[in-house]
Amino acid sequence: MNQLCLVATIAERDVLRYTPAGIPIVSAKLLHDSEQVEAGVPRSVTFEISALAAGEISGRFNQAELGKPFRFTGFLARKNRNSKSLVFHIADFEAIT
């Protein structure tokens, strides 16, 4: 199964664009910062991940506030067929209060 749930902020967001098939899409960089426990030892985890929102969710994602924490769900896929880089495809998200 390829499913990812991540709490992060939107660090950067590109403008809404459309694929050749007419599907709206927004690319972004998400920033995660947390403390995890690994082998019984606390570990600080900070990273940036490339993400995109396509279809109906892209409009809502395009209006989401930068720097505010959200819980994102989705999956990972290659950036393109020949790439080894991964992109987080956002299926849904909600604000964290």
Protein backbone atom coordinates (compact mmCIF):
# COMPACT_ATOMS: atom_id res chain seq x y z
CA MET A 1 0.00 0.00 0.00
CA ASN A 2 1.23 3.50 -0.84
CA GLN A 3 -0.42 5.91 1.59
CA LEU A 4 1.12 8.85 3.42
CA CYS A 5 -0.28 11.02 6.21
CA LEU A 6 1.84 14.04 7.04
CA VAL A 7 1.47 17.14 9.20
CA ALA A 8 3.24 20.01 7.46
CA THR A 9 3.02 23.64 6.43
CA ILE A 10 2.92 24.94 2.89
CA ALA A 11 6.31 26.61 2.48
CA GLU A 12 5.98 27.55 -1.22
CA ARG A 13 3.21 27.22 -3.77
CA ASP A 14 3.20 27.73 -7.54
CA VAL A 15 0.30 29.30 -9.40
CA LEU A 16 -2.63 27.15 -10.44
CA ARG A 17 -2.07 25.71 -13.91
CA TYR A 18 -3.81 23.23 -16.18
CA THR A 19 -2.51 19.99 -17.70
CA PRO A 20 -2.93 19.41 -21.46
CA ALA A 21 -6.02 17.37 -20.52
CA GLY A 22 -7.49 20.42 -18.74
CA ILE A 23 -6.99 19.17 -15.17
CA PRO A 24 -6.16 21.93 -12.65
CA ILE A 25 -2.93 21.33 -10.75
CA VAL A 26 -0.88 23.16 -8.11
CA SER A 27 2.71 22.29 -7.21
CA ALA A 28 4.17 23.15 -3.82
CA LYS A 29 6.86 22.54 -1.22
CA LEU A 30 5.70 21.26 2.16
CA LEU A 31 7.78 21.69 5.32
CA HIS A 32 7.60 19.13 8.13
CA ASP A 33 9.13 19.60 11.57
CA SER A 34 8.57 17.18 14.46
CA GLU A 35 10.19 15.06 17.12
CA GLN A 36 9.99 11.29 16.63
CA VAL A 37 11.17 8.41 18.80
CA GLU A 38 13.57 5.99 17.13
CA ALA A 39 15.00 3.02 19.06
CA GLY A 40 13.77 4.67 22.26
CA VAL A 41 15.66 7.90 21.58
CA PRO A 42 14.01 11.22 20.63
CA ARG A 43 15.01 12.44 17.19
CA SER A 44 14.33 15.83 15.60
CA VAL A 45 12.95 15.44 12.07
CA THR A 46 12.82 18.35 9.62
CA PHE A 47 12.43 18.04 5.86
CA GLU A 48 10.93 19.62 2.77
CA ILE A 49 8.98 17.55 0.27
CA SER A 50 7.68 18.36 -3.20
CA ALA A 51 3.92 18.01 -3.45
CA LEU A 52 1.07 18.55 -5.86
CA ALA A 53 -2.69 18.79 -5.70
CA ALA A 54 -4.65 17.89 -8.83
CA GLY A 55 -8.31 17.99 -9.75
CA GLU A 56 -11.03 19.26 -7.42
CA ILE A 57 -8.73 19.60 -4.41
CA SER A 58 -6.36 21.95 -6.26
CA GLY A 59 -8.71 24.93 -5.85
CA ARG A 60 -8.95 24.50 -2.08
CA PHE A 61 -5.21 23.86 -1.84
CA ASN A 62 -4.51 26.99 -3.88
CA GLN A 63 -6.43 29.06 -1.28
CA ALA A 64 -4.83 27.41 1.80
CA GLU A 65 -2.82 29.72 4.03
CA LEU A 66 0.97 29.51 3.72
CA GLY A 67 2.80 28.65 6.96
CA LYS A 68 -0.30 27.24 8.67
CA PRO A 69 -0.19 23.55 9.77
CA PHE A 70 -2.31 21.04 7.86
CA ARG A 71 -2.74 17.27 7.96
CA PHE A 72 -2.17 16.01 4.41
CA THR A 73 -3.06 12.56 3.11
CA GLY A 74 -2.09 11.10 -0.23
CA PHE A 75 0.53 8.94 -1.90
CA LEU A 76 4.07 9.07 -3.28
CA ALA A 77 4.93 8.72 -6.97
CA ARG A 78 7.88 9.44 -9.21
CA LYS A 79 8.12 12.99 -10.50
CA ASN A 80 7.97 11.55 -14.01
CA ARG A 81 8.50 8.19 -15.67
CA ASN A 82 12.30 8.49 -15.87
CA SER A 83 12.89 10.26 -12.55
CA LYS A 84 14.08 8.78 -9.26
CA SER A 85 12.71 11.80 -7.35
CA LEU A 86 9.44 11.38 -5.46
CA VAL A 87 6.48 13.76 -5.26
CA PHE A 88 3.72 13.66 -2.64
CA HIS A 89 0.34 13.63 -4.41
CA ILE A 90 -2.18 15.24 -2.05
CA ALA A 91 -5.55 13.51 -1.99
CA ASP A 92 -7.01 15.50 0.92
CA PHE A 93 -6.00 17.88 3.69
CA GLU A 94 -7.42 19.58 6.75
CA ALA A 95 -6.32 22.43 8.97
CA ILE A 96 -4.87 21.59 12.38
CA THR A 97 -6.30 23.69 15.19
